[in-house]
Structures are given as structure tokens and as C-alpha cells.
Amino acid sequence: MTLYIVGTPIGNLEDMTFRAVKVLQSVEIVAAEDTRHTGKLLQHFQIQTRQMSCHEHNQQQRIPELLALMQQGKAIALVSDAGIPGISDPGYELIQATLEAGIDVIPIPGANAALTALSASGLGSDRFCFEGFLPAKGKPRHQRLDALKTETRTVILYEAPHRLQATLKDLSATCGAERQITIARELTKLYEQFWRGSLNEAIQYYQEHQPKGEFTLVLAGANLENVGLSETALKAELADLLEQGWSRSQASRHLAQLTDVPKRKLYQMALELPDAIDPSSSVDR
């Protein structure tokens, strides 16, 4: 009894892996976000495995059914319409329930829009975060945007064409018009396009060119020298670096180079953070 998390192409069918085809052929059931969409994929690769729909509107009923089948010894493959299930797509709830039931979950890697866009963005890829779709409106959206203002990592976002302009304007107002961004459209498809420039330039470009297709936005991280960070925010940055394996000295030196805060002051802040997250600590872990 196993649940396979199968990555599928985000556009170009040639990105389907041999392993993914083999797994879809060997399992008893394919749990699909949209059986019509996945049916075309299965037909293309001459896969005749039976499908069951599993999406946000029927998962409360479907998850117990799929769990029961796996507990009977059947193997199931979970797929979304494109990319890797659970990454801004349905699937998380089934995966969580499967793990809680003590059933093996095995990932079958595949194409992913976020990493595909990042790899060709020209922006920093050593530290990045994935935000998916921003909240559509209201306080949750403002809070998320405000957090991105001081985010030093490269930020990856998804956006629909009819909301692209609003998101670019909100990012510009919050993060600054000169913040650099790469906008990837229709990745791996016939009309794939990368646009690179500042947020202000992006707004102007898409005022003249109607947004069409699916968009992945790769936003440059904040330059802390231009952002007035509070002590709480500085400690959060230090904690993030320490959790990645940096020593207090290395983290303080790095942050001092990005801000106008003296290294000595940053090091004192780092000393106030828990020892357990600092790899230079003498505590036996």
C-alpha cells in the first residue's frame, strides 16, 4: 500500500519522466484533480489505469475512499493538472491523511513552474522562498505584501493574468518601484516568455501588452540597506541565517554588509538568540 506523488508536465509533454509513466502504468488507481485533463495525458502515453477524481470540492468524501483502497493493499498515484501535487495545487490533505494512516508516501519528481522560472530568472537562487498566490484582497493581502517588503530572499509568486497588473502595482507600492523582477509566462509551452526589469518598468510593459497565459513572478530580495529594519526584524534575519548553519560571527558579518548596522551590534543581537540554533554553540546536540 503506497501513495505516489507524481509530477506531470506543466506544458510540454516531453517533460514527462520515464519513471512517472512507469508508476502511472503500474498503480491500480490514478487520483486526479481533473479526470478529463489527466485523461488526455494518460491517453498520450497509452496508460489505461483507472482514474478517480480528488479535488477540493469532493476530497472530504474521496479521501476516506482512497485510504480504504490503500489499506486493502492497492497502490495509488496522485496527480494534479500540471506540476507537482500539493504545490499550489490540491493534494496536501490526502498526503497528510495518508501519512497519518501509516501508509508510505513516495514522491516521483517532475516539472515545477516555480523552480523552472527561478532557474532562468537571473536573480539570486541561493536563498529563496515560495509564496504561491497572494491573498486576493483585504487585510491578509496587505499583511503578506508588508512581509515581502523586508524579505531578503528571492520571492517566487504565481499569478493569474487578470490580476497581474494589480499585483505588480501592489508590489511596487510596498517593495519599491525599482525592485527587480523576472516575469515568466507560459513556461515550457509554445509562447514561453521571460520579461526582466524593475517593477515600475513591468507595470508600464503590461499596460501596453495585455497579460495572457499563466504567470510566475520571481522578485528580487530586499536590499536591507534601503529598508529601515527594526531590531525584531534584524533578529529574525539572524535567526534565519543561524538555522541555515551559519555561525553567529558569519551571520553578523553578512548582515552588516547588507545594512548600515555595525557588525558588533548585530553580534550582540545574535548572542541573545537561543544557543540551539547556532552551529558554533558548545551545547551537545
Foldseek 3Di string as FASTA:
>chain_A
DEEEFEAAAPADRVQHDPVNLVVLQPFQEEAECDCVLVVVSCVVSVRDHHYDYDAPVCPVPVLVVVLVVVVVVTYYYYYYSHGTDPQLGHDPVSVVVCVVVVHYYHYDHTDDPQVVCVVPVPADDPFEDEDEAAPPDDDSNVVVLLVQLQFQHKYKYKDDQVCVLVVLVSNCVRNNQFWKKWKWFPPPHPPTDIDIGGSVVVNVVCVVPRDDGIIMMITHGHQAQPPDDDLVRLLVQLLVVLQVADALQRSLVVVVVSHVDDSVVSSVSNVPDDLVSHPVRPDDD
